[in-house]
Amino acid sequence: MLIDAHCHLANLAERLEIKPLMVEAGEKGVSGFISSALRRSEIRWHLLNPIPSAIWSAGIHPHFDGCDITLDDLEGLALNRQIHAVGECGLDRGDPDLDTQIDVFERQLALAERYKLTVILHLVGHMDIAIPLLRRHRLTYLVHGYTGSLEGYKQLNGLDSYFTISSRICKLDKRELLNSMICGGRYLFETDITQYYVEESETNPLLRLLEVVDRAVELTSRDRGELIERQWLNYLKLFGGGDA
């Protein structure tokens, strides 16, 4: 089973009808989804539209102006076992208010630890600050779309971390990092699809995941079936059968 380990289904649903897209994706091999909610409207969508082939998370993004989720929102979702993970959350050099970023990030890590939830990480810069924060907590991390330095990857890999492979890392100049992730064995694949990323001529953006896998195969000369089997086993380690 091939899982899109980071997407934004509720956000995408504001532009496209999701159900037929998911049916087609399933027929072509994309069997499951981990969807991230970053707005209260997206939380409501997930609560009102349970999808058997999808699990979801919610978090306070460090650099998305539309994010209106609060810590109280996350507390309620975690308490009622309505989410499978916290995030995406983290640090982003694009936002100048670093002190607030750190405070909100730490509070989300503490919440995830209380409820024994996986944390989906968004880390763009500030690795010197992020790594010590992450080490303070006994948590499992799913690092979304990491394309930073090889040294940063090694530091994250020293924690209980898994990584999503996206189109941004499936490039020639990122081949060494991609190979390191594949060799490390703790990877899944993602599209990070939202309504904002859909191209005009695109009929089903959920199928992009197949392109990501194909490109990873091309760049690493790995067996496609082995890559898919490994990401499925990693998904099971992170989330079990998927029920909250």
C-alpha atoms as a PDB file:
ATOM      1  CA  MET A   1       0.000   0.000   0.000  1.00  0.00           C
ATOM      2  CA  LEU A   2       1.299   3.413  -0.984  1.00  0.00           C
ATOM      3  CA  ILE A   3       0.574   6.238   1.468  1.00  0.00           C
ATOM      4  CA  ASP A   4       0.657   9.982   0.834  1.00  0.00           C
ATOM      5  CA  ALA A   5       2.259  10.816   4.168  1.00  0.00           C
ATOM      6  CA  HIS A   6       1.689  14.567   4.019  1.00  0.00           C
ATOM      7  CA  CYS A   7      -1.151  16.294   2.214  1.00  0.00           C
ATOM      8  CA  HIS A   8      -3.928  18.773   2.975  1.00  0.00           C
ATOM      9  CA  LEU A   9      -7.185  17.130   1.923  1.00  0.00           C
ATOM     10  CA  ALA A  10      -9.500  19.569   3.688  1.00  0.00           C
ATOM     11  CA  ASN A  11      -7.730  22.493   2.048  1.00  0.00           C
ATOM     12  CA  LEU A  12      -7.846  20.801  -1.355  1.00  0.00           C
ATOM     13  CA  ALA A  13     -11.573  20.109  -0.896  1.00  0.00           C
ATOM     14  CA  GLU A  14     -12.226  23.855  -1.084  1.00  0.00           C
ATOM     15  CA  ARG A  15     -11.304  23.701  -4.762  1.00  0.00           C
ATOM     16  CA  LEU A  16     -11.974  20.125  -5.906  1.00  0.00           C
ATOM     17  CA  GLU A  17     -14.397  17.340  -5.044  1.00  0.00           C
ATOM     18  CA  ILE A  18     -12.244  14.946  -3.062  1.00  0.00           C
ATOM     19  CA  LYS A  19     -14.121  11.641  -3.188  1.00  0.00           C
ATOM     20  CA  PRO A  20     -13.717  10.858  -6.928  1.00  0.00           C
ATOM     21  CA  LEU A  21     -10.070  11.911  -6.775  1.00  0.00           C
ATOM     22  CA  MET A  22      -9.435   9.480  -3.933  1.00  0.00           C
ATOM     23  CA  VAL A  23     -11.271   6.675  -5.729  1.00  0.00           C
ATOM     24  CA  GLU A  24      -9.108   7.145  -8.818  1.00  0.00           C
ATOM     25  CA  ALA A  25      -5.965   7.417  -6.713  1.00  0.00           C
ATOM     26  CA  GLY A  26      -6.839   4.161  -4.965  1.00  0.00           C
ATOM     27  CA  GLU A  27      -7.367   2.413  -8.286  1.00  0.00           C
ATOM     28  CA  LYS A  28      -3.904   3.540  -9.384  1.00  0.00           C
ATOM     29  CA  GLY A  29      -2.126   2.491  -6.203  1.00  0.00           C
ATOM     30  CA  VAL A  30      -2.346   5.385  -3.737  1.00  0.00           C
ATOM     31  CA  SER A  31      -4.161   3.633  -0.915  1.00  0.00           C
ATOM     32  CA  GLY A  32      -3.983   5.993   2.053  1.00  0.00           C
ATOM     33  CA  PHE A  33      -3.381   9.546   3.198  1.00  0.00           C
ATOM     34  CA  ILE A  34      -2.093  11.483   6.197  1.00  0.00           C
ATOM     35  CA  SER A  35      -3.833  14.844   5.986  1.00  0.00           C
ATOM     36  CA  SER A  36      -2.772  17.926   7.923  1.00  0.00           C
ATOM     37  CA  ALA A  37      -5.305  20.523   9.130  1.00  0.00           C
ATOM     38  CA  LEU A  38      -3.953  24.037   9.663  1.00  0.00           C
ATOM     39  CA  ARG A  39      -7.194  26.010  10.000  1.00  0.00           C
ATOM     40  CA  ARG A  40     -10.309  25.560  12.108  1.00  0.00           C
ATOM     41  CA  SER A  41     -12.380  25.184   8.945  1.00  0.00           C
ATOM     42  CA  GLU A  42     -10.158  22.253   7.971  1.00  0.00           C
ATOM     43  CA  ILE A  43     -10.649  20.657  11.382  1.00  0.00           C
ATOM     44  CA  ARG A  44     -14.423  20.940  10.911  1.00  0.00           C
ATOM     45  CA  TRP A  45     -14.153  19.387   7.458  1.00  0.00           C
ATOM     46  CA  HIS A  46     -12.281  16.376   8.788  1.00  0.00           C
ATOM     47  CA  LEU A  47     -14.724  15.906  11.653  1.00  0.00           C
ATOM     48  CA  LEU A  48     -17.690  16.054   9.264  1.00  0.00           C
ATOM     49  CA  ASN A  49     -16.098  13.989   6.493  1.00  0.00           C
ATOM     50  CA  PRO A  50     -14.445  10.892   7.961  1.00  0.00           C
ATOM     51  CA  ILE A  51     -12.490   9.046   5.278  1.00  0.00           C
ATOM     52  CA  PRO A  52     -11.656   5.358   5.820  1.00  0.00           C
ATOM     53  CA  SER A  53      -8.428   5.615   3.831  1.00  0.00           C
ATOM     54  CA  ALA A  54      -7.181   8.767   5.578  1.00  0.00           C
ATOM     55  CA  ILE A  55      -5.963   9.750   9.022  1.00  0.00           C
ATOM     56  CA  TRP A  56      -5.331  13.341   9.987  1.00  0.00           C
ATOM     57  CA  SER A  57      -3.376  15.685  12.189  1.00  0.00           C
ATOM     58  CA  ALA A  58      -3.772  19.279  13.311  1.00  0.00           C
ATOM     59  CA  GLY A  59      -1.167  21.820  14.287  1.00  0.00           C
ATOM     60  CA  ILE A  60      -0.098  25.430  14.551  1.00  0.00           C
ATOM     61  CA  HIS A  61       2.119  26.159  11.563  1.00  0.00           C
ATOM     62  CA  PRO A  62       5.108  28.463  12.210  1.00  0.00           C
ATOM     63  CA  HIS A  63       4.737  30.434   8.980  1.00  0.00           C
ATOM     64  CA  PHE A  64       1.231  30.244   7.483  1.00  0.00           C
ATOM     65  CA  ASP A  65      -0.853  33.375   7.972  1.00  0.00           C
ATOM     66  CA  GLY A  66      -4.097  31.476   7.488  1.00  0.00           C
ATOM     67  CA  CYS A  67      -3.453  29.196  10.453  1.00  0.00           C
ATOM     68  CA  ASP A  68      -6.004  30.064  13.161  1.00  0.00           C
ATOM     69  CA  ILE A  69      -5.802  26.888  15.258  1.00  0.00           C
ATOM     70  CA  THR A  70      -5.122  27.397  18.966  1.00  0.00           C
ATOM     71  CA  LEU A  71      -3.518  25.253  21.630  1.00  0.00           C
ATOM     72  CA  ASP A  72      -6.961  24.790  23.187  1.00  0.00           C
ATOM     73  CA  ASP A  73      -8.201  23.405  19.867  1.00  0.00           C
ATOM     74  CA  LEU A  74      -5.360  20.887  19.820  1.00  0.00           C
ATOM     75  CA  GLU A  75      -5.936  19.945  23.452  1.00  0.00           C
ATOM     76  CA  GLY A  76      -9.578  19.144  22.739  1.00  0.00           C
ATOM     77  CA  LEU A  77      -8.772  17.094  19.651  1.00  0.00           C
ATOM     78  CA  ALA A  78      -6.078  15.134  21.469  1.00  0.00           C
ATOM     79  CA  LEU A  79      -8.233  14.576  24.548  1.00  0.00           C
ATOM     80  CA  ASN A  80     -11.044  13.184  22.406  1.00  0.00           C
ATOM     81  CA  ARG A  81      -8.618  11.097  20.331  1.00  0.00           C
ATOM     82  CA  GLN A  82      -9.721  12.752  17.118  1.00  0.00           C
ATOM     83  CA  ILE A  83      -6.240  13.281  15.692  1.00  0.00           C
ATOM     84  CA  HIS A  84      -3.421  10.837  15.049  1.00  0.00           C
ATOM     85  CA  ALA A  85      -0.603  13.382  15.264  1.00  0.00           C
ATOM     86  CA  VAL A  86       0.216  16.977  16.153  1.00  0.00           C
ATOM     87  CA  GLY A  87       1.407  19.180  13.333  1.00  0.00           C
ATOM     88  CA  GLU A  88       2.635  20.290  11.127  1.00  0.00           C
ATOM     89  CA  CYS A  89       4.497  22.456  13.585  1.00  0.00           C
ATOM     90  CA  GLY A  90       8.052  23.647  14.042  1.00  0.00           C
ATOM     91  CA  LEU A  91      10.271  26.595  13.166  1.00  0.00           C
ATOM     92  CA  ASP A  92      10.622  28.624   9.967  1.00  0.00           C
ATOM     93  CA  ARG A  93      13.225  31.282   9.223  1.00  0.00           C
ATOM     94  CA  GLY A  94      10.643  33.106   7.093  1.00  0.00           C
ATOM     95  CA  ASP A  95       8.849  34.405  10.196  1.00  0.00           C
ATOM     96  CA  PRO A  96      10.826  37.071  12.089  1.00  0.00           C
ATOM     97  CA  ASP A  97       9.047  36.472  15.430  1.00  0.00           C
ATOM     98  CA  LEU A  98      11.284  33.632  16.548  1.00  0.00           C
ATOM     99  CA  ASP A  99      10.472  33.879  20.252  1.00  0.00           C
ATOM    100  CA  THR A 100       6.776  33.270  19.614  1.00  0.00           C
ATOM    101  CA  GLN A 101       7.591  30.430  17.219  1.00  0.00           C
ATOM    102  CA  ILE A 102       9.694  28.709  19.872  1.00  0.00           C
ATOM    103  CA  ASP A 103       7.057  29.143  22.578  1.00  0.00           C
ATOM    104  CA  VAL A 104       4.221  27.762  20.436  1.00  0.00           C
ATOM    105  CA  PHE A 105       6.399  24.926  19.168  1.00  0.00           C
ATOM    106  CA  GLU A 106       7.432  23.887  22.681  1.00  0.00           C
ATOM    107  CA  ARG A 107       3.825  23.894  23.849  1.00  0.00           C
ATOM    108  CA  GLN A 108       2.817  21.631  20.967  1.00  0.00           C
ATOM    109  CA  LEU A 109       5.664  19.236  21.736  1.00  0.00           C
ATOM    110  CA  ALA A 110       4.575  19.074  25.370  1.00  0.00           C
ATOM    111  CA  LEU A 111       0.974  18.424  24.338  1.00  0.00           C
ATOM    112  CA  ALA A 112       2.019  15.637  21.989  1.00  0.00           C
ATOM    113  CA  GLU A 113       4.082  14.056  24.737  1.00  0.00           C
ATOM    114  CA  ARG A 114       1.155  14.151  27.173  1.00  0.00           C
ATOM    115  CA  TYR A 115      -1.108  12.377  24.715  1.00  0.00           C
ATOM    116  CA  LYS A 116       1.574  10.130  23.199  1.00  0.00           C
ATOM    117  CA  LEU A 117       1.075  11.467  19.694  1.00  0.00           C
ATOM    118  CA  THR A 118       3.506  11.562  16.790  1.00  0.00           C
ATOM    119  CA  VAL A 119       4.674  15.061  15.835  1.00  0.00           C
ATOM    120  CA  ILE A 120       4.767  16.154  12.196  1.00  0.00           C
ATOM    121  CA  LEU A 121       7.642  18.595  11.862  1.00  0.00           C
ATOM    122  CA  HIS A 122       8.035  21.625   9.620  1.00  0.00           C
ATOM    123  CA  LEU A 123      11.650  22.763   9.918  1.00  0.00           C
ATOM    124  CA  VAL A 124      13.024  25.477   7.653  1.00  0.00           C
ATOM    125  CA  GLY A 125      16.187  26.857   9.202  1.00  0.00           C
ATOM    126  CA  HIS A 126      16.908  27.354  12.918  1.00  0.00           C
ATOM    127  CA  MET A 127      18.178  23.776  13.229  1.00  0.00           C
ATOM    128  CA  ASP A 128      20.554  24.872  16.000  1.00  0.00           C
ATOM    129  CA  ILE A 129      17.479  25.766  18.056  1.00  0.00           C
ATOM    130  CA  ALA A 130      15.162  22.968  16.925  1.00  0.00           C
ATOM    131  CA  ILE A 131      17.414  19.997  17.687  1.00  0.00           C
ATOM    132  CA  PRO A 132      17.885  20.773  21.415  1.00  0.00           C
ATOM    133  CA  LEU A 133      14.121  21.350  21.757  1.00  0.00           C
ATOM    134  CA  LEU A 134      13.330  18.016  20.125  1.00  0.00           C
ATOM    135  CA  ARG A 135      15.825  16.165  22.303  1.00  0.00           C
ATOM    136  CA  ARG A 136      14.001  17.271  25.453  1.00  0.00           C
ATOM    137  CA  HIS A 137      10.968  15.182  24.603  1.00  0.00           C
ATOM    138  CA  ARG A 138      10.366  11.467  24.290  1.00  0.00           C
ATOM    139  CA  LEU A 139       8.519  11.662  21.029  1.00  0.00           C
ATOM    140  CA  THR A 140       8.414  10.146  17.578  1.00  0.00           C
ATOM    141  CA  TYR A 141       8.811  12.664  14.768  1.00  0.00           C
ATOM    142  CA  LEU A 142       7.700  12.609  11.148  1.00  0.00           C
ATOM    143  CA  VAL A 143       9.853  15.239   9.436  1.00  0.00           C
ATOM    144  CA  HIS A 144       7.866  16.681   6.555  1.00  0.00           C
ATOM    145  CA  GLY A 145       9.621  17.538   3.304  1.00  0.00           C
ATOM    146  CA  TYR A 146      13.125  18.033   4.697  1.00  0.00           C
ATOM    147  CA  THR A 147      15.568  19.348   2.086  1.00  0.00           C
ATOM    148  CA  GLY A 148      18.206  20.903   4.333  1.00  0.00           C
ATOM    149  CA  SER A 149      21.808  19.939   4.900  1.00  0.00           C
ATOM    150  CA  LEU A 150      23.074  16.395   5.225  1.00  0.00           C
ATOM    151  CA  GLU A 151      24.362  17.281   8.685  1.00  0.00           C
ATOM    152  CA  GLY A 152      20.904  18.470   9.705  1.00  0.00           C
ATOM    153  CA  TYR A 153      19.430  15.209   8.454  1.00  0.00           C
ATOM    154  CA  LYS A 154      21.934  13.223  10.507  1.00  0.00           C
ATOM    155  CA  GLN A 155      21.013  15.178  13.632  1.00  0.00           C
ATOM    156  CA  LEU A 156      17.314  14.550  13.083  1.00  0.00           C
ATOM    157  CA  ASN A 157      17.983  10.919  12.268  1.00  0.00           C
ATOM    158  CA  GLY A 158      19.677  10.592  15.655  1.00  0.00           C
ATOM    159  CA  LEU A 159      16.250  11.142  17.208  1.00  0.00           C
ATOM    160  CA  ASP A 160      13.244   8.846  16.796  1.00  0.00           C
ATOM    161  CA  SER A 161      12.505  10.365  13.402  1.00  0.00           C
ATOM    162  CA  TYR A 162      10.955   9.340  10.121  1.00  0.00           C
ATOM    163  CA  PHE A 163      11.121  11.455   6.954  1.00  0.00           C
ATOM    164  CA  THR A 164       8.790  12.183   4.067  1.00  0.00           C
ATOM    165  CA  ILE A 165      10.262  12.225   0.582  1.00  0.00           C
ATOM    166  CA  SER A 166       8.759  14.896  -1.673  1.00  0.00           C
ATOM    167  CA  SER A 167       9.369  16.206  -5.166  1.00  0.00           C
ATOM    168  CA  ARG A 168      11.612  18.883  -3.629  1.00  0.00           C
ATOM    169  CA  ILE A 169      14.227  16.311  -2.670  1.00  0.00           C
ATOM    170  CA  CYS A 170      13.905  14.212  -5.830  1.00  0.00           C
ATOM    171  CA  LYS A 171      16.398  16.375  -7.693  1.00  0.00           C
ATOM    172  CA  LEU A 172      19.959  15.838  -8.855  1.00  0.00           C
ATOM    173  CA  ASP A 173      21.409  18.396  -6.443  1.00  0.00           C
ATOM    174  CA  LYS A 174      19.671  16.607  -3.532  1.00  0.00           C
ATOM    175  CA  ARG A 175      20.619  13.086  -4.568  1.00  0.00           C
ATOM    176  CA  GLU A 176      23.058  12.543  -1.696  1.00  0.00           C
ATOM    177  CA  LEU A 177      20.423  13.551   0.857  1.00  0.00           C
ATOM    178  CA  LEU A 178      17.795  11.405  -0.864  1.00  0.00           C
ATOM    179  CA  ASN A 179      20.106   8.385  -0.882  1.00  0.00           C
ATOM    180  CA  SER A 180      20.856   8.912   2.798  1.00  0.00           C
ATOM    181  CA  MET A 181      17.146   8.880   3.614  1.00  0.00           C
ATOM    182  CA  ILE A 182      16.563   5.760   1.554  1.00  0.00           C
ATOM    183  CA  CYS A 183      19.556   3.995   3.108  1.00  0.00           C
ATOM    184  CA  GLY A 184      18.328   5.009   6.561  1.00  0.00           C
ATOM    185  CA  GLY A 185      15.127   3.115   5.861  1.00  0.00           C
ATOM    186  CA  ARG A 186      12.833   5.454   7.834  1.00  0.00           C
ATOM    187  CA  TYR A 187      10.974   7.171   5.025  1.00  0.00           C
ATOM    188  CA  LEU A 188       7.545   7.676   3.519  1.00  0.00           C
ATOM    189  CA  PHE A 189       6.446   9.654   0.446  1.00  0.00           C
ATOM    190  CA  GLU A 190       4.376  12.843   0.230  1.00  0.00           C
ATOM    191  CA  THR A 191       2.792  15.340  -2.162  1.00  0.00           C
ATOM    192  CA  ASP A 192       2.101  18.233   0.285  1.00  0.00           C
ATOM    193  CA  ILE A 193      -0.827  19.008  -2.017  1.00  0.00           C
ATOM    194  CA  THR A 194      -3.131  21.934  -1.246  1.00  0.00           C
ATOM    195  CA  GLN A 195      -5.602  23.898  -3.348  1.00  0.00           C
ATOM    196  CA  TYR A 196      -2.860  26.464  -3.930  1.00  0.00           C
ATOM    197  CA  TYR A 197      -0.565  23.993  -5.699  1.00  0.00           C
ATOM    198  CA  VAL A 198      -3.044  22.554  -8.217  1.00  0.00           C
ATOM    199  CA  GLU A 199      -2.087  23.277 -11.813  1.00  0.00           C
ATOM    200  CA  GLU A 200      -4.777  24.405 -14.251  1.00  0.00           C
ATOM    201  CA  SER A 201      -4.402  21.357 -16.497  1.00  0.00           C
ATOM    202  CA  GLU A 202      -4.241  18.894 -13.595  1.00  0.00           C
ATOM    203  CA  THR A 203      -7.251  16.590 -13.223  1.00  0.00           C
ATOM    204  CA  ASN A 204      -6.114  14.661 -10.151  1.00  0.00           C
ATOM    205  CA  PRO A 205      -3.279  16.130  -8.064  1.00  0.00           C
ATOM    206  CA  LEU A 206      -3.366  13.146  -5.699  1.00  0.00           C
ATOM    207  CA  LEU A 207      -1.648  11.135  -8.435  1.00  0.00           C
ATOM    208  CA  ARG A 208       1.493  13.234  -8.030  1.00  0.00           C
ATOM    209  CA  LEU A 209       2.600  10.739  -5.403  1.00  0.00           C
ATOM    210  CA  LEU A 210       3.238   8.177  -8.137  1.00  0.00           C
ATOM    211  CA  GLU A 211       5.560  10.648  -9.844  1.00  0.00           C
ATOM    212  CA  VAL A 212       7.476  11.209  -6.600  1.00  0.00           C
ATOM    213  CA  VAL A 213       8.034   7.469  -6.178  1.00  0.00           C
ATOM    214  CA  ASP A 214       9.052   7.035  -9.812  1.00  0.00           C
ATOM    215  CA  ARG A 215      11.552   9.880  -9.546  1.00  0.00           C
ATOM    216  CA  ALA A 216      13.012   8.421  -6.342  1.00  0.00           C
ATOM    217  CA  VAL A 217      13.454   5.090  -8.118  1.00  0.00           C
ATOM    218  CA  GLU A 218      15.171   6.838 -11.030  1.00  0.00           C
ATOM    219  CA  LEU A 219      17.596   8.767  -8.824  1.00  0.00           C
ATOM    220  CA  THR A 220      18.487   5.949  -6.430  1.00  0.00           C
ATOM    221  CA  SER A 221      18.254   2.885  -8.714  1.00  0.00           C
ATOM    222  CA  ARG A 222      16.209   1.153  -6.018  1.00  0.00           C
ATOM    223  CA  ASP A 223      13.499  -1.405  -6.638  1.00  0.00           C
ATOM    224  CA  ARG A 224      10.093   0.285  -6.698  1.00  0.00           C
ATOM    225  CA  GLY A 225       8.372  -2.551  -4.889  1.00  0.00           C
ATOM    226  CA  GLU A 226      10.940  -2.502  -2.094  1.00  0.00           C
ATOM    227  CA  LEU A 227      10.516   1.251  -1.606  1.00  0.00           C
ATOM    228  CA  ILE A 228       6.746   0.898  -1.379  1.00  0.00           C
ATOM    229  CA  GLU A 229       6.985  -2.027   1.021  1.00  0.00           C
ATOM    230  CA  ARG A 230       9.364  -0.115   3.291  1.00  0.00           C
ATOM    231  CA  GLN A 231       7.192   3.013   3.420  1.00  0.00           C
ATOM    232  CA  TRP A 232       4.153   0.865   4.262  1.00  0.00           C
ATOM    233  CA  LEU A 233       5.986  -0.810   7.137  1.00  0.00           C
ATOM    234  CA  ASN A 234       7.072   2.611   8.388  1.00  0.00           C
ATOM    235  CA  TYR A 235       3.483   3.838   8.255  1.00  0.00           C
ATOM    236  CA  LEU A 236       2.396   0.865  10.358  1.00  0.00           C
ATOM    237  CA  LYS A 237       5.153   1.567  12.891  1.00  0.00           C
ATOM    238  CA  LEU A 238       4.013   5.167  13.189  1.00  0.00           C
ATOM    239  CA  PHE A 239       0.256   4.753  13.186  1.00  0.00           C
ATOM    240  CA  GLY A 240      -0.614   1.060  13.411  1.00  0.00           C
ATOM    241  CA  GLY A 241      -3.907   0.238  11.768  1.00  0.00           C
ATOM    242  CA  GLY A 242      -4.892   3.894  11.563  1.00  0.00           C
ATOM    243  CA  ASP A 243      -7.784   4.031  14.048  1.00  0.00           C
ATOM    244  CA  ALA A 244      -7.545   6.782  16.656  1.00  0.00           C
END
